[in-house]
């Protein structure tokens, strides 16, 4: 398969990576996409870095078997848990979401006060703080783990009383720091964006890395002359490790179009395989 027609692989622990799919399709509408959501093992945020790297490597190997031209690790936890080790294993571009998200925060903040929310693993890694301070060491960064957000999204509880109460508990401390920018450091979190915005108000800008990541993907595809210019029905395939019906139900609400091709896959102990 020529590089131009080869698909872009996008991986996440669940359905949160659809935020990246949506932005990639906006900026590169002719591209073929293969998405893997490791829904059997979500969330990744409470697992060790070694386990996250192993799970991620399995899923990227599945995408490699499908002859992708590049892979987007649309999972902040995986992008914060030794992405360099994963990049070194493959001969195609592998990009994460942390650096693009940090760049967006750097561009956004006017008061040099940034809050970051994410999974326990992402926050413990300090990846966003390092990436933001590498751009401007004078920016103050406060971080908060919000481990209940991913289960809320996976349940489709985007806006109800329980969700609002949990958001207020998690974010009250950051709001008290005077931040003007809040990084949604998990690709699941943008599905809560409207509810979070209602609670934090208009003085705090919400940043998710999906749009910036899609711009990086576009740059890489064009730099390597891999862009697909045909507009004849690009294929979008979705693979999950558990509960495909639930993934379709929530995924279609978010993507606002039908998910036509979805399959359940089983991951082997070392490398994955589409059965």
C-alpha atoms as a PDB file:
ATOM      1  CA  UNK A   1       0.000   0.000   0.000  1.00  0.00           C
ATOM      2  CA  UNK A   2       1.410   3.375  -0.965  1.00  0.00           C
ATOM      3  CA  UNK A   3       2.026   5.723   1.927  1.00  0.00           C
ATOM      4  CA  UNK A   4      -0.588   8.250   0.833  1.00  0.00           C
ATOM      5  CA  UNK A   5      -3.397   5.693   1.073  1.00  0.00           C
ATOM      6  CA  UNK A   6      -2.109   4.046   4.230  1.00  0.00           C
ATOM      7  CA  UNK A   7      -4.264   4.823   7.279  1.00  0.00           C
ATOM      8  CA  UNK A   8      -3.396   6.972  10.261  1.00  0.00           C
ATOM      9  CA  UNK A   9      -3.548   4.910  13.442  1.00  0.00           C
ATOM     10  CA  UNK A  10      -5.028   6.490  16.564  1.00  0.00           C
ATOM     11  CA  UNK A  11      -4.940   4.766  19.947  1.00  0.00           C
ATOM     12  CA  UNK A  12      -6.526   5.476  23.320  1.00  0.00           C
ATOM     13  CA  UNK A  13      -7.415   3.530  26.439  1.00  0.00           C
ATOM     14  CA  UNK A  14     -11.118   4.088  25.726  1.00  0.00           C
ATOM     15  CA  UNK A  15     -13.340   6.447  23.763  1.00  0.00           C
ATOM     16  CA  UNK A  16     -11.626   9.695  24.809  1.00  0.00           C
ATOM     17  CA  UNK A  17      -9.301   9.549  21.818  1.00  0.00           C
ATOM     18  CA  UNK A  18     -12.299  10.252  19.603  1.00  0.00           C
ATOM     19  CA  UNK A  19     -11.630  13.895  20.468  1.00  0.00           C
ATOM     20  CA  UNK A  20      -8.424  13.549  18.451  1.00  0.00           C
ATOM     21  CA  UNK A  21     -10.149  11.605  15.659  1.00  0.00           C
ATOM     22  CA  UNK A  22     -12.696  14.401  15.327  1.00  0.00           C
ATOM     23  CA  UNK A  23      -9.996  17.084  14.990  1.00  0.00           C
ATOM     24  CA  UNK A  24      -7.831  15.030  12.622  1.00  0.00           C
ATOM     25  CA  UNK A  25     -10.823  14.505  10.341  1.00  0.00           C
ATOM     26  CA  UNK A  26     -11.525  18.258  10.389  1.00  0.00           C
ATOM     27  CA  UNK A  27      -7.997  19.071   9.287  1.00  0.00           C
ATOM     28  CA  UNK A  28      -7.330  16.017   7.100  1.00  0.00           C
ATOM     29  CA  UNK A  29     -10.772  14.941   5.846  1.00  0.00           C
ATOM     30  CA  UNK A  30      -9.458  12.596   3.149  1.00  0.00           C
ATOM     31  CA  UNK A  31      -7.421  10.380   5.458  1.00  0.00           C
ATOM     32  CA  UNK A  32      -8.177   6.753   6.229  1.00  0.00           C
ATOM     33  CA  UNK A  33      -8.325   6.204  10.003  1.00  0.00           C
ATOM     34  CA  UNK A  34      -7.912   3.117  12.163  1.00  0.00           C
ATOM     35  CA  UNK A  35      -8.810   3.661  15.808  1.00  0.00           C
ATOM     36  CA  UNK A  36      -8.160   1.320  18.725  1.00  0.00           C
ATOM     37  CA  UNK A  37      -9.816   1.814  22.100  1.00  0.00           C
ATOM     38  CA  UNK A  38      -8.588  -0.532  24.822  1.00  0.00           C
ATOM     39  CA  UNK A  39     -11.977  -0.514  26.517  1.00  0.00           C
ATOM     40  CA  UNK A  40     -11.374  -3.781  28.380  1.00  0.00           C
ATOM     41  CA  UNK A  41      -8.535  -2.229  30.388  1.00  0.00           C
ATOM     42  CA  UNK A  42      -9.653   1.405  30.739  1.00  0.00           C
ATOM     43  CA  UNK A  43      -8.713   3.433  32.754  1.00  0.00           C
ATOM     44  CA  UNK A  44      -4.935   3.489  32.377  1.00  0.00           C
ATOM     45  CA  UNK A  45      -4.481   6.326  34.856  1.00  0.00           C
ATOM     46  CA  UNK A  46      -4.265   4.162  37.974  1.00  0.00           C
ATOM     47  CA  UNK A  47      -1.781   1.664  36.518  1.00  0.00           C
ATOM     48  CA  UNK A  48       2.006   1.551  36.762  1.00  0.00           C
ATOM     49  CA  UNK A  49       4.160   3.093  33.999  1.00  0.00           C
ATOM     50  CA  UNK A  50       5.436  -0.373  33.078  1.00  0.00           C
ATOM     51  CA  UNK A  51       1.898  -1.675  32.595  1.00  0.00           C
ATOM     52  CA  UNK A  52       0.846   1.371  30.595  1.00  0.00           C
ATOM     53  CA  UNK A  53       3.871   1.005  28.300  1.00  0.00           C
ATOM     54  CA  UNK A  54       3.130  -2.713  27.812  1.00  0.00           C
ATOM     55  CA  UNK A  55      -0.548  -2.112  26.998  1.00  0.00           C
ATOM     56  CA  UNK A  56       0.314   0.754  24.662  1.00  0.00           C
ATOM     57  CA  UNK A  57       2.988  -1.246  22.844  1.00  0.00           C
ATOM     58  CA  UNK A  58       0.493  -4.081  22.275  1.00  0.00           C
ATOM     59  CA  UNK A  59      -2.002  -1.705  20.695  1.00  0.00           C
ATOM     60  CA  UNK A  60       0.578   0.088  18.538  1.00  0.00           C
ATOM     61  CA  UNK A  61       1.688  -3.337  17.293  1.00  0.00           C
ATOM     62  CA  UNK A  62      -1.898  -4.010  16.210  1.00  0.00           C
ATOM     63  CA  UNK A  63      -1.841  -0.787  14.244  1.00  0.00           C
ATOM     64  CA  UNK A  64       1.530  -1.700  12.736  1.00  0.00           C
ATOM     65  CA  UNK A  65      -0.012  -4.946  11.464  1.00  0.00           C
ATOM     66  CA  UNK A  66      -2.572  -2.798   9.658  1.00  0.00           C
ATOM     67  CA  UNK A  67       0.220  -0.965   7.786  1.00  0.00           C
ATOM     68  CA  UNK A  68      -0.451   2.466   9.236  1.00  0.00           C
ATOM     69  CA  UNK A  69       1.774   5.331   8.122  1.00  0.00           C
ATOM     70  CA  UNK A  70       1.899   6.929  11.577  1.00  0.00           C
ATOM     71  CA  UNK A  71       0.368   6.521  15.035  1.00  0.00           C
ATOM     72  CA  UNK A  72      -1.165   9.064  17.379  1.00  0.00           C
ATOM     73  CA  UNK A  73      -1.132   8.011  21.022  1.00  0.00           C
ATOM     74  CA  UNK A  74      -4.289   9.917  21.918  1.00  0.00           C
ATOM     75  CA  UNK A  75      -3.949   9.061  25.588  1.00  0.00           C
ATOM     76  CA  UNK A  76      -2.317  11.457  28.014  1.00  0.00           C
ATOM     77  CA  UNK A  77      -1.415   8.689  30.445  1.00  0.00           C
ATOM     78  CA  UNK A  78       0.373   6.710  27.739  1.00  0.00           C
ATOM     79  CA  UNK A  79       1.988   9.894  26.381  1.00  0.00           C
ATOM     80  CA  UNK A  80       3.289  10.627  29.893  1.00  0.00           C
ATOM     81  CA  UNK A  81       4.588   7.115  30.611  1.00  0.00           C
ATOM     82  CA  UNK A  82       7.734   6.781  28.552  1.00  0.00           C
ATOM     83  CA  UNK A  83       6.488   7.542  25.045  1.00  0.00           C
ATOM     84  CA  UNK A  84      10.138   7.714  23.959  1.00  0.00           C
ATOM     85  CA  UNK A  85      10.464   3.963  24.602  1.00  0.00           C
ATOM     86  CA  UNK A  86       7.526   3.337  22.289  1.00  0.00           C
ATOM     87  CA  UNK A  87       8.786   5.715  19.595  1.00  0.00           C
ATOM     88  CA  UNK A  88      12.132   3.896  19.531  1.00  0.00           C
ATOM     89  CA  UNK A  89      10.436   0.579  18.703  1.00  0.00           C
ATOM     90  CA  UNK A  90       8.798   1.634  15.437  1.00  0.00           C
ATOM     91  CA  UNK A  91       9.988   2.954  12.092  1.00  0.00           C
ATOM     92  CA  UNK A  92       6.987   5.232  11.514  1.00  0.00           C
ATOM     93  CA  UNK A  93       6.169   8.508  13.313  1.00  0.00           C
ATOM     94  CA  UNK A  94       4.567   8.097  16.754  1.00  0.00           C
ATOM     95  CA  UNK A  95       3.222  11.274  18.348  1.00  0.00           C
ATOM     96  CA  UNK A  96       1.659  11.929  21.729  1.00  0.00           C
ATOM     97  CA  UNK A  97      -0.670  14.610  23.060  1.00  0.00           C
ATOM     98  CA  UNK A  98       1.294  16.169  25.937  1.00  0.00           C
ATOM     99  CA  UNK A  99       3.614  18.505  23.998  1.00  0.00           C
ATOM    100  CA  UNK A 100       0.829  19.856  21.761  1.00  0.00           C
ATOM    101  CA  UNK A 101      -1.343  20.457  24.839  1.00  0.00           C
ATOM    102  CA  UNK A 102       1.488  22.227  26.644  1.00  0.00           C
ATOM    103  CA  UNK A 103       2.052  24.450  23.615  1.00  0.00           C
ATOM    104  CA  UNK A 104      -1.632  25.401  23.568  1.00  0.00           C
ATOM    105  CA  UNK A 105      -1.479  26.311  27.284  1.00  0.00           C
ATOM    106  CA  UNK A 106       1.648  28.400  26.734  1.00  0.00           C
ATOM    107  CA  UNK A 107      -0.119  30.324  23.964  1.00  0.00           C
ATOM    108  CA  UNK A 108      -3.286  30.753  26.014  1.00  0.00           C
ATOM    109  CA  UNK A 109      -2.192  32.041  29.417  1.00  0.00           C
ATOM    110  CA  UNK A 110      -1.932  35.775  29.952  1.00  0.00           C
ATOM    111  CA  UNK A 111      -1.449  35.725  33.734  1.00  0.00           C
ATOM    112  CA  UNK A 112       1.212  32.954  33.558  1.00  0.00           C
ATOM    113  CA  UNK A 113      -0.966  30.804  35.818  1.00  0.00           C
ATOM    114  CA  UNK A 114      -1.970  27.396  34.455  1.00  0.00           C
ATOM    115  CA  UNK A 115      -3.898  24.520  35.975  1.00  0.00           C
ATOM    116  CA  UNK A 116      -3.563  20.945  34.728  1.00  0.00           C
ATOM    117  CA  UNK A 117      -6.021  18.127  35.396  1.00  0.00           C
ATOM    118  CA  UNK A 118      -5.442  14.522  34.415  1.00  0.00           C
ATOM    119  CA  UNK A 119      -5.276  10.940  35.589  1.00  0.00           C
ATOM    120  CA  UNK A 120      -3.195   9.990  38.613  1.00  0.00           C
ATOM    121  CA  UNK A 121      -0.421   8.634  36.381  1.00  0.00           C
ATOM    122  CA  UNK A 122      -0.298  11.736  34.161  1.00  0.00           C
ATOM    123  CA  UNK A 123      -0.186  14.114  37.132  1.00  0.00           C
ATOM    124  CA  UNK A 124       2.432  12.060  39.009  1.00  0.00           C
ATOM    125  CA  UNK A 125       4.642  12.033  35.919  1.00  0.00           C
ATOM    126  CA  UNK A 126       4.870  15.849  35.912  1.00  0.00           C
ATOM    127  CA  UNK A 127       4.943  15.712  32.112  1.00  0.00           C
ATOM    128  CA  UNK A 128       2.751  18.747  31.514  1.00  0.00           C
ATOM    129  CA  UNK A 129       4.563  20.894  34.047  1.00  0.00           C
ATOM    130  CA  UNK A 130       7.934  20.058  32.458  1.00  0.00           C
ATOM    131  CA  UNK A 131       6.627  20.670  28.941  1.00  0.00           C
ATOM    132  CA  UNK A 132       5.007  24.007  29.847  1.00  0.00           C
ATOM    133  CA  UNK A 133       8.023  25.258  31.806  1.00  0.00           C
ATOM    134  CA  UNK A 134      10.311  24.271  28.945  1.00  0.00           C
ATOM    135  CA  UNK A 135       8.415  26.855  26.889  1.00  0.00           C
ATOM    136  CA  UNK A 136       8.372  29.487  29.658  1.00  0.00           C
ATOM    137  CA  UNK A 137       9.908  28.754  33.092  1.00  0.00           C
ATOM    138  CA  UNK A 138       8.040  31.719  34.600  1.00  0.00           C
ATOM    139  CA  UNK A 139       4.630  30.099  34.140  1.00  0.00           C
ATOM    140  CA  UNK A 140       3.210  28.809  37.425  1.00  0.00           C
ATOM    141  CA  UNK A 141       1.619  25.386  37.049  1.00  0.00           C
ATOM    142  CA  UNK A 142      -0.730  23.679  39.502  1.00  0.00           C
ATOM    143  CA  UNK A 143      -1.855  20.106  38.891  1.00  0.00           C
ATOM    144  CA  UNK A 144      -4.751  18.003  40.136  1.00  0.00           C
ATOM    145  CA  UNK A 145      -5.543  14.336  39.550  1.00  0.00           C
ATOM    146  CA  UNK A 146      -9.222  13.733  38.743  1.00  0.00           C
ATOM    147  CA  UNK A 147      -9.498   9.926  38.639  1.00  0.00           C
ATOM    148  CA  UNK A 148     -13.302   9.826  38.587  1.00  0.00           C
ATOM    149  CA  UNK A 149     -13.623  11.793  35.348  1.00  0.00           C
ATOM    150  CA  UNK A 150     -12.766   8.875  33.030  1.00  0.00           C
ATOM    151  CA  UNK A 151     -15.391   6.520  34.526  1.00  0.00           C
ATOM    152  CA  UNK A 152     -17.970   9.314  34.286  1.00  0.00           C
ATOM    153  CA  UNK A 153     -17.232   9.775  30.581  1.00  0.00           C
ATOM    154  CA  UNK A 154     -17.185   6.027  29.882  1.00  0.00           C
ATOM    155  CA  UNK A 155     -20.642   5.829  31.512  1.00  0.00           C
ATOM    156  CA  UNK A 156     -21.901   8.701  29.381  1.00  0.00           C
ATOM    157  CA  UNK A 157     -22.487  10.898  32.458  1.00  0.00           C
ATOM    158  CA  UNK A 158     -21.434  14.134  30.794  1.00  0.00           C
ATOM    159  CA  UNK A 159     -23.751  16.435  32.722  1.00  0.00           C
ATOM    160  CA  UNK A 160     -25.797  15.444  35.742  1.00  0.00           C
ATOM    161  CA  UNK A 161     -25.889  16.383  39.410  1.00  0.00           C
ATOM    162  CA  UNK A 162     -23.294  13.804  40.440  1.00  0.00           C
ATOM    163  CA  UNK A 163     -20.904  14.873  37.690  1.00  0.00           C
ATOM    164  CA  UNK A 164     -21.239  18.548  38.611  1.00  0.00           C
ATOM    165  CA  UNK A 165     -20.597  17.863  42.299  1.00  0.00           C
ATOM    166  CA  UNK A 166     -17.470  15.853  41.495  1.00  0.00           C
ATOM    167  CA  UNK A 167     -16.157  18.559  39.148  1.00  0.00           C
ATOM    168  CA  UNK A 168     -16.636  21.232  41.820  1.00  0.00           C
ATOM    169  CA  UNK A 169     -14.783  19.159  44.436  1.00  0.00           C
ATOM    170  CA  UNK A 170     -11.843  18.497  42.132  1.00  0.00           C
ATOM    171  CA  UNK A 171     -11.495  22.001  40.675  1.00  0.00           C
ATOM    172  CA  UNK A 172     -12.179  24.273  43.663  1.00  0.00           C
ATOM    173  CA  UNK A 173      -8.502  24.318  44.719  1.00  0.00           C
ATOM    174  CA  UNK A 174      -7.229  25.183  41.233  1.00  0.00           C
ATOM    175  CA  UNK A 175      -9.843  27.898  40.812  1.00  0.00           C
ATOM    176  CA  UNK A 176      -8.600  29.441  44.044  1.00  0.00           C
ATOM    177  CA  UNK A 177      -5.080  29.803  42.586  1.00  0.00           C
ATOM    178  CA  UNK A 178      -6.182  32.459  40.105  1.00  0.00           C
ATOM    179  CA  UNK A 179      -5.457  30.389  36.992  1.00  0.00           C
ATOM    180  CA  UNK A 180      -6.591  31.739  33.630  1.00  0.00           C
ATOM    181  CA  UNK A 181      -5.957  28.513  31.695  1.00  0.00           C
ATOM    182  CA  UNK A 182      -6.958  24.942  32.520  1.00  0.00           C
ATOM    183  CA  UNK A 183      -5.413  22.073  30.576  1.00  0.00           C
ATOM    184  CA  UNK A 184      -7.723  19.099  30.138  1.00  0.00           C
ATOM    185  CA  UNK A 185      -4.857  16.631  30.409  1.00  0.00           C
ATOM    186  CA  UNK A 186      -6.806  13.561  29.369  1.00  0.00           C
ATOM    187  CA  UNK A 187      -8.533  13.000  26.038  1.00  0.00           C
ATOM    188  CA  UNK A 188     -11.660  11.851  27.879  1.00  0.00           C
ATOM    189  CA  UNK A 189     -12.081  15.215  29.595  1.00  0.00           C
ATOM    190  CA  UNK A 190     -13.219  17.297  26.585  1.00  0.00           C
ATOM    191  CA  UNK A 191     -16.451  15.311  26.670  1.00  0.00           C
ATOM    192  CA  UNK A 192     -17.050  17.073  30.004  1.00  0.00           C
ATOM    193  CA  UNK A 193     -15.958  20.443  28.577  1.00  0.00           C
ATOM    194  CA  UNK A 194     -19.352  22.145  28.567  1.00  0.00           C
ATOM    195  CA  UNK A 195     -20.063  21.143  32.162  1.00  0.00           C
ATOM    196  CA  UNK A 196     -16.578  22.146  33.339  1.00  0.00           C
ATOM    197  CA  UNK A 197     -16.956  25.492  31.539  1.00  0.00           C
ATOM    198  CA  UNK A 198     -20.239  26.182  33.336  1.00  0.00           C
ATOM    199  CA  UNK A 199     -18.524  25.602  36.666  1.00  0.00           C
ATOM    200  CA  UNK A 200     -15.196  27.423  36.169  1.00  0.00           C
ATOM    201  CA  UNK A 201     -16.701  30.377  34.280  1.00  0.00           C
ATOM    202  CA  UNK A 202     -15.572  32.460  31.330  1.00  0.00           C
ATOM    203  CA  UNK A 203     -12.394  33.824  32.945  1.00  0.00           C
ATOM    204  CA  UNK A 204     -10.661  30.449  32.650  1.00  0.00           C
ATOM    205  CA  UNK A 205      -9.882  29.143  29.164  1.00  0.00           C
ATOM    206  CA  UNK A 206     -10.103  25.385  28.713  1.00  0.00           C
ATOM    207  CA  UNK A 207      -7.363  23.792  26.626  1.00  0.00           C
ATOM    208  CA  UNK A 208      -7.532  20.291  25.225  1.00  0.00           C
ATOM    209  CA  UNK A 209      -4.712  18.915  23.154  1.00  0.00           C
ATOM    210  CA  UNK A 210      -6.848  17.446  20.370  1.00  0.00           C
ATOM    211  CA  UNK A 211      -6.746  20.462  18.051  1.00  0.00           C
ATOM    212  CA  UNK A 212      -3.017  21.095  18.545  1.00  0.00           C
ATOM    213  CA  UNK A 213      -2.287  17.376  18.116  1.00  0.00           C
ATOM    214  CA  UNK A 214      -4.226  17.307  14.849  1.00  0.00           C
ATOM    215  CA  UNK A 215      -2.112  20.215  13.610  1.00  0.00           C
ATOM    216  CA  UNK A 216       1.048  18.260  14.447  1.00  0.00           C
ATOM    217  CA  UNK A 217      -0.339  15.235  12.586  1.00  0.00           C
ATOM    218  CA  UNK A 218      -1.074  17.393   9.538  1.00  0.00           C
ATOM    219  CA  UNK A 219       2.452  18.832   9.612  1.00  0.00           C
ATOM    220  CA  UNK A 220       4.033  15.367   9.824  1.00  0.00           C
ATOM    221  CA  UNK A 221       1.879  13.914   7.053  1.00  0.00           C
ATOM    222  CA  UNK A 222       2.710  16.809   4.738  1.00  0.00           C
ATOM    223  CA  UNK A 223       6.398  16.926   5.668  1.00  0.00           C
ATOM    224  CA  UNK A 224       6.771  13.226   4.789  1.00  0.00           C
ATOM    225  CA  UNK A 225       4.594  13.647   1.675  1.00  0.00           C
ATOM    226  CA  UNK A 226       2.115  11.098   3.005  1.00  0.00           C
ATOM    227  CA  UNK A 227      -1.096  13.131   2.707  1.00  0.00           C
ATOM    228  CA  UNK A 228      -3.999  11.374   1.013  1.00  0.00           C
ATOM    229  CA  UNK A 229      -5.529  13.704  -1.570  1.00  0.00           C
ATOM    230  CA  UNK A 230      -8.289  11.422  -2.819  1.00  0.00           C
ATOM    231  CA  UNK A 231     -11.714  12.296  -1.468  1.00  0.00           C
ATOM    232  CA  UNK A 232     -13.424   9.079  -2.549  1.00  0.00           C
ATOM    233  CA  UNK A 233     -14.953   7.658   0.622  1.00  0.00           C
ATOM    234  CA  UNK A 234     -12.060   7.409   3.080  1.00  0.00           C
ATOM    235  CA  UNK A 235     -12.394   4.437   5.426  1.00  0.00           C
ATOM    236  CA  UNK A 236     -12.748   4.883   9.187  1.00  0.00           C
ATOM    237  CA  UNK A 237     -12.379   1.628  11.114  1.00  0.00           C
ATOM    238  CA  UNK A 238     -12.769   1.252  14.857  1.00  0.00           C
ATOM    239  CA  UNK A 239     -11.528  -1.595  17.045  1.00  0.00           C
ATOM    240  CA  UNK A 240     -12.194  -2.062  20.755  1.00  0.00           C
ATOM    241  CA  UNK A 241     -11.190  -4.712  23.259  1.00  0.00           C
ATOM    242  CA  UNK A 242     -14.607  -4.835  24.976  1.00  0.00           C
ATOM    243  CA  UNK A 243     -18.223  -3.647  24.703  1.00  0.00           C
ATOM    244  CA  UNK A 244     -18.380  -2.428  21.079  1.00  0.00           C
ATOM    245  CA  UNK A 245     -22.119  -1.631  21.340  1.00  0.00           C
ATOM    246  CA  UNK A 246     -21.536   0.805  24.193  1.00  0.00           C
ATOM    247  CA  UNK A 247     -18.603   2.378  22.343  1.00  0.00           C
ATOM    248  CA  UNK A 248     -20.772   2.959  19.275  1.00  0.00           C
ATOM    249  CA  UNK A 249     -23.610   4.437  21.324  1.00  0.00           C
ATOM    250  CA  UNK A 250     -21.406   7.037  23.027  1.00  0.00           C
ATOM    251  CA  UNK A 251     -18.997   7.483  20.124  1.00  0.00           C
ATOM    252  CA  UNK A 252     -21.710   8.411  17.642  1.00  0.00           C
ATOM    253  CA  UNK A 253     -23.078  11.034  20.030  1.00  0.00           C
ATOM    254  CA  UNK A 254     -19.689  12.646  20.218  1.00  0.00           C
ATOM    255  CA  UNK A 255     -18.552  12.297  16.593  1.00  0.00           C
ATOM    256  CA  UNK A 256     -22.032  13.224  15.332  1.00  0.00           C
ATOM    257  CA  UNK A 257     -21.951  10.650  12.594  1.00  0.00           C
ATOM    258  CA  UNK A 258     -22.386   6.910  12.264  1.00  0.00           C
ATOM    259  CA  UNK A 259     -19.641   4.494  13.239  1.00  0.00           C
ATOM    260  CA  UNK A 260     -20.089   1.951  10.448  1.00  0.00           C
ATOM    261  CA  UNK A 261     -17.106  -0.345  10.906  1.00  0.00           C
ATOM    262  CA  UNK A 262     -16.400  -1.558  14.442  1.00  0.00           C
ATOM    263  CA  UNK A 263     -14.940  -4.850  15.604  1.00  0.00           C
ATOM    264  CA  UNK A 264     -13.887  -6.388  18.882  1.00  0.00           C
ATOM    265  CA  UNK A 265     -10.274  -7.533  19.088  1.00  0.00           C
ATOM    266  CA  UNK A 266      -8.380  -9.673  21.548  1.00  0.00           C
ATOM    267  CA  UNK A 267      -4.887  -8.744  22.588  1.00  0.00           C
ATOM    268  CA  UNK A 268      -2.286 -11.448  22.993  1.00  0.00           C
ATOM    269  CA  UNK A 269       0.313 -11.435  25.736  1.00  0.00           C
ATOM    270  CA  UNK A 270       3.040  -9.736  23.698  1.00  0.00           C
ATOM    271  CA  UNK A 271       1.570  -8.275  20.528  1.00  0.00           C
ATOM    272  CA  UNK A 272      -1.982  -7.662  19.522  1.00  0.00           C
ATOM    273  CA  UNK A 273      -3.905  -9.166  16.694  1.00  0.00           C
ATOM    274  CA  UNK A 274      -7.130  -8.462  14.877  1.00  0.00           C
ATOM    275  CA  UNK A 275      -8.997 -11.715  14.810  1.00  0.00           C
END
